[in-house]
Protein backbone atom coordinates (compact mmCIF):
# COMPACT_ATOMS: atom_id res chain seq x y z
CA MET A 1 -16.29 17.53 -42.94
CA GLU A 2 -15.33 14.37 -41.13
CA GLU A 3 -16.13 14.38 -37.39
CA ALA A 4 -13.04 14.22 -35.07
CA LYS A 5 -12.82 10.91 -33.20
CA PRO A 6 -12.65 11.12 -29.42
CA ARG A 7 -9.13 10.55 -28.15
CA GLU A 8 -8.66 7.06 -26.92
CA LEU A 9 -7.64 6.84 -23.20
CA LYS A 10 -4.48 5.20 -22.58
CA SER A 11 -4.61 2.16 -20.18
CA ARG A 12 -2.59 2.79 -17.04
CA ILE A 13 -1.48 1.08 -13.84
CA ALA A 14 -3.57 1.77 -10.79
CA ILE A 15 -1.52 2.11 -7.51
CA VAL A 16 -3.45 1.92 -4.28
CA ALA A 17 -2.03 3.11 -0.97
CA ALA A 18 -3.48 3.93 2.42
CA LEU A 19 -1.87 7.23 3.21
CA GLU A 20 -0.47 10.16 1.08
CA ARG A 21 2.79 10.01 3.02
CA GLU A 22 3.48 6.59 1.62
CA VAL A 23 3.51 7.79 -1.94
CA ARG A 24 4.27 11.49 -1.76
CA PRO A 25 7.82 11.23 -3.33
CA LEU A 26 6.22 9.51 -6.40
CA THR A 27 3.24 11.88 -7.02
CA ARG A 28 4.99 15.23 -6.97
CA GLY A 29 3.66 17.27 -9.99
CA TRP A 30 0.91 14.89 -10.76
CA ARG A 31 -2.79 16.02 -11.19
CA ARG A 32 -4.74 15.84 -7.90
CA GLU A 33 -8.44 15.22 -7.45
CA SER A 34 -10.68 14.25 -4.48
CA THR A 35 -13.93 12.32 -4.37
CA ARG A 36 -16.98 12.78 -2.15
CA ASP A 37 -15.99 9.52 -0.37
CA GLY A 38 -12.76 11.10 0.73
CA VAL A 39 -10.62 9.34 -1.72
CA THR A 40 -7.56 11.29 -3.16
CA VAL A 41 -6.57 10.44 -6.64
CA TYR A 42 -3.31 11.46 -8.28
CA SER A 43 -2.79 10.80 -12.00
CA SER A 44 -0.14 10.96 -14.67
CA GLU A 45 0.18 9.48 -18.09
CA LYS A 46 1.68 6.36 -16.64
CA ALA A 47 -0.35 5.63 -13.64
CA VAL A 48 -3.17 6.48 -11.19
CA VAL A 49 -2.44 6.56 -7.49
CA ALA A 50 -5.41 6.51 -5.05
CA PHE A 51 -5.57 6.55 -1.25
CA ALA A 52 -8.40 6.82 1.17
CA GLY A 53 -7.04 5.89 4.61
CA MET A 54 -6.17 2.75 6.59
CA GLY A 55 -8.18 -0.43 6.66
CA VAL A 56 -9.89 -2.81 4.25
CA ASP A 57 -13.12 -0.66 3.85
CA ARG A 58 -11.12 2.46 2.82
CA ALA A 59 -8.78 0.38 0.60
CA GLU A 60 -11.80 -0.89 -1.28
CA LEU A 61 -13.00 2.69 -1.87
CA ALA A 62 -9.51 3.79 -3.07
CA ALA A 63 -9.24 0.70 -5.51
CA ALA A 64 -12.71 1.47 -6.95
CA ALA A 65 -11.86 5.18 -7.38
CA ALA A 66 -8.60 4.29 -9.15
CA LEU A 67 -10.36 1.92 -11.54
CA SER A 68 -13.02 4.57 -12.33
CA VAL A 69 -10.76 7.25 -13.95
CA GLY A 70 -9.97 5.20 -17.06
CA PRO A 71 -8.65 1.98 -18.45
CA VAL A 72 -6.37 0.00 -16.06
CA HIS A 73 -4.38 -3.05 -16.97
CA ARG A 74 -2.85 -3.73 -13.56
CA VAL A 75 -3.65 -2.97 -9.88
CA ILE A 76 -0.72 -2.63 -7.34
CA SER A 77 -1.26 -2.49 -3.59
CA VAL A 78 1.57 -0.36 -2.06
CA GLY A 79 2.47 1.15 1.22
CA TRP A 80 4.09 0.44 4.54
CA ALA A 81 3.99 -3.05 6.09
CA GLY A 82 5.34 -4.61 9.26
CA ALA A 83 7.98 -7.39 9.14
CA LEU A 84 6.97 -10.64 10.79
CA HIS A 85 10.44 -12.18 11.27
CA SER A 86 14.10 -11.14 11.63
CA GLY A 87 14.93 -11.86 8.09
CA ILE A 88 13.35 -8.65 6.83
CA ARG A 89 14.92 -5.32 7.81
CA ARG A 90 13.30 -1.90 8.05
CA GLY A 91 13.40 0.07 4.84
CA ALA A 92 13.30 -3.00 2.68
CA VAL A 93 11.00 -3.13 -0.24
CA ARG A 94 9.43 -6.54 -0.89
CA ARG A 95 7.40 -7.75 -3.88
CA VAL A 96 4.59 -9.87 -2.62
CA GLY A 97 3.67 -13.26 -4.25
CA THR A 98 0.72 -14.16 -1.94
CA VAL A 99 -1.71 -12.17 0.08
CA ILE A 100 -3.68 -13.93 2.83
CA ASP A 101 -6.88 -12.64 4.46
CA PRO A 102 -7.10 -14.67 7.70
CA THR A 103 -10.66 -13.23 8.45
CA THR A 104 -12.27 -14.76 5.28
CA GLY A 105 -9.66 -17.50 4.49
CA GLU A 106 -9.05 -15.98 1.05
CA VAL A 107 -5.70 -16.35 -0.58
CA PHE A 108 -4.65 -14.09 -3.49
CA ASP A 109 -1.77 -14.80 -5.76
CA THR A 110 -0.17 -12.02 -7.53
CA ALA A 111 0.13 -11.92 -11.39
CA ASP A 112 3.25 -12.46 -13.31
CA SER A 113 4.24 -9.14 -14.94
CA GLY A 114 7.05 -10.58 -17.05
CA GLU A 115 9.82 -9.00 -14.96
CA ARG A 116 12.97 -10.84 -13.92
CA LEU A 117 12.30 -9.81 -10.34
CA SER A 118 10.45 -12.39 -8.36
CA TYR A 119 7.36 -11.80 -6.24
CA THR A 120 7.82 -14.22 -3.35
CA ALA A 121 6.94 -12.51 -0.03
CA VAL A 122 3.80 -13.77 1.81
CA LEU A 123 1.71 -10.89 3.21
CA VAL A 124 -1.16 -11.06 5.75
CA THR A 125 -3.84 -8.36 5.86
CA THR A 126 -5.39 -7.74 9.25
CA ASP A 127 -8.15 -5.33 10.31
CA HIS A 128 -6.11 -3.82 13.17
CA VAL A 129 -2.61 -2.71 14.11
CA VAL A 130 -0.71 -5.77 15.42
CA SER A 131 1.69 -5.98 18.31
CA ALA A 132 5.10 -7.60 18.22
CA ARG A 133 3.55 -10.76 19.91
CA ALA A 134 0.81 -10.87 17.33
CA LYS A 135 3.45 -10.61 14.52
CA LYS A 136 5.14 -13.67 15.81
CA ASN A 137 1.85 -15.54 15.95
CA LEU A 138 1.03 -14.58 12.32
CA HIS A 139 4.52 -15.78 11.12
CA ASP A 140 4.27 -19.08 13.08
CA ARG A 141 0.77 -19.86 11.92
CA LEU A 142 0.84 -18.73 8.36
CA ALA A 143 4.61 -18.68 7.48
CA ALA A 144 4.04 -15.15 6.40
CA ASP A 145 6.69 -12.40 6.02
CA LEU A 146 4.72 -9.14 6.22
CA VAL A 147 1.51 -7.69 7.67
CA ASP A 148 -0.52 -4.76 6.48
CA MET A 149 -4.21 -3.52 6.64
CA GLU A 150 -5.14 -3.10 3.04
CA ALA A 151 -3.68 -5.45 0.39
CA ALA A 152 -6.43 -8.16 0.53
CA ALA A 153 -9.13 -5.61 -0.02
CA VAL A 154 -7.35 -4.25 -3.09
CA ALA A 155 -6.79 -7.80 -4.40
CA ARG A 156 -10.45 -8.59 -3.88
CA VAL A 157 -11.48 -5.62 -6.00
CA ALA A 158 -9.01 -6.47 -8.75
CA ARG A 159 -10.21 -10.09 -8.77
CA ALA A 160 -13.85 -8.94 -9.16
CA ARG A 161 -12.95 -6.77 -12.12
CA GLY A 162 -10.70 -9.43 -13.73
CA ILE A 163 -7.62 -7.12 -13.62
CA PRO A 164 -4.19 -8.55 -12.75
CA PHE A 165 -3.11 -7.74 -9.18
CA GLN A 166 0.41 -7.14 -7.56
CA ALA A 167 1.62 -5.84 -4.33
CA MET A 168 4.73 -4.08 -3.36
CA LYS A 169 5.41 -3.16 0.34
CA ALA A 170 8.06 -1.22 2.24
CA VAL A 171 8.99 -2.23 5.75
CA SER A 172 8.34 0.51 8.24
CA ASP A 173 8.68 -1.48 11.48
CA GLU A 174 10.62 -4.62 12.20
CA TYR A 175 9.26 -7.82 13.77
CA ASP A 176 9.99 -6.85 17.37
CA PHE A 177 8.92 -3.22 17.20
CA ASP A 178 5.98 -2.38 19.45
CA LEU A 179 4.12 0.72 20.16
CA PRO A 180 1.11 0.09 22.53
CA GLY A 181 -2.02 2.07 21.94
CA LEU A 182 -1.34 2.99 18.31
CA GLU A 183 -4.62 1.47 17.15
CA LYS A 184 -6.54 4.09 19.15
CA PHE A 185 -5.62 6.77 16.66
CA ALA A 186 -7.13 5.30 13.56
CA ALA A 187 -10.19 7.26 12.72
CA PRO A 188 -13.50 5.66 11.32
CA ASP A 189 -12.68 7.22 7.99
CA GLY A 190 -9.28 5.53 7.86
CA ARG A 191 -7.29 8.67 8.68
CA PHE A 192 -4.53 8.55 11.30
CA ARG A 193 -5.32 11.22 13.98
CA GLU A 194 -1.90 12.83 14.03
CA GLY A 195 -2.81 15.72 16.33
CA ALA A 196 -4.28 13.34 19.03
CA PHE A 197 -1.29 11.02 18.71
CA ALA A 198 1.18 13.88 19.00
CA LEU A 199 -0.53 14.99 22.25
CA TYR A 200 -0.59 11.37 23.55
CA VAL A 201 3.06 11.10 22.89
CA ALA A 202 3.98 14.49 24.25
CA LEU A 203 2.69 13.46 27.67
CA ARG A 204 4.68 10.22 27.65
CA PRO A 205 8.39 10.79 27.41
CA ALA A 206 9.13 7.09 27.60
CA LEU A 207 7.64 6.84 24.00
CA TRP A 208 9.61 9.68 22.50
CA ARG A 209 12.52 7.61 21.30
CA ARG A 210 10.38 4.93 19.77
CA VAL A 211 8.12 7.40 18.03
CA ALA A 212 11.15 9.22 16.58
CA GLN A 213 12.50 5.95 15.32
CA MET A 214 9.16 5.06 13.78
CA ALA A 215 8.99 8.46 11.91
CA ARG A 216 12.52 8.01 10.55
CA HIS A 217 11.96 4.44 9.42
CA SER A 218 8.58 5.28 7.82
CA SER A 219 10.16 8.09 5.91
CA THR A 220 12.99 5.89 4.59
CA ALA A 221 10.48 3.14 3.68
CA ALA A 222 8.40 5.53 1.68
CA ALA A 223 11.39 6.93 -0.21
CA ASN A 224 12.64 3.44 -1.03
CA LEU A 225 9.15 2.32 -2.02
CA CYS A 226 8.73 5.34 -4.41
CA ALA A 227 12.06 4.76 -6.01
CA GLU A 228 11.16 1.18 -6.67
CA LEU A 229 7.83 2.31 -8.15
CA GLU A 230 9.63 4.79 -10.39
CA GLN A 231 11.71 2.01 -11.81
CA TYR A 232 8.69 -0.18 -12.16
CA LEU A 233 6.76 2.44 -14.16
CA ALA A 234 9.81 3.10 -16.41
CA TRP A 235 10.19 -0.64 -16.98
CA GLU A 236 6.40 -0.91 -17.83
CA GLU A 237 6.66 2.02 -20.24
CA GLN A 238 9.52 0.33 -22.09
CA ARG A 239 7.70 -2.93 -22.18
CA VAL A 240 4.55 -1.36 -23.67
CA ARG A 241 6.60 0.47 -26.36
CA ALA A 242 8.59 -2.73 -27.32
């Protein structure tokens, strides 16, 4: 009797986010797993989604975890980003053409996927939450459009593995939005300490309106991002079948 050949794993897209809330609308019904490093991985036939918290170190862990679950032919950094100028409104989803890491001086250009949609936005990855004043400085100095805390790390992992990289970001806060003290609630493991933040806000009525706005805008941005990703995955499936 002829031995059965092992089923060949289908190559998928790896999507790397920071927080589950950024991708929750996309991953409903997907298989969920967790690693010992605190990375959560969702998987379907089309894609793998991984997140491990905020910051470059956690993003590297998430990217490595996504690439370890099977063949991957493209890596996409997704999630919330801040706008750096008035030309980008909250809730907008922008496809990134260039990622800059000002700490190392590295510049990562995204790969052409063959789509008719252009990847033109310039994104800067920083290691901390930036103020409205710092956003202006980044725009003036680097002619950048967006800021996040993870994309450069994901791009670095993809480059090391020789896998095409892209980035797609949804704007959760506009260029002039400021919420002082927000950086204090990022835990060492990349989690956002929601309980401590809620207590901090509860004791400061002056922040209530801005925090409510941030929650609404973040929710809208996540919904718009996941809708865009759904369309992207559908396009990718048609491209592979053609």
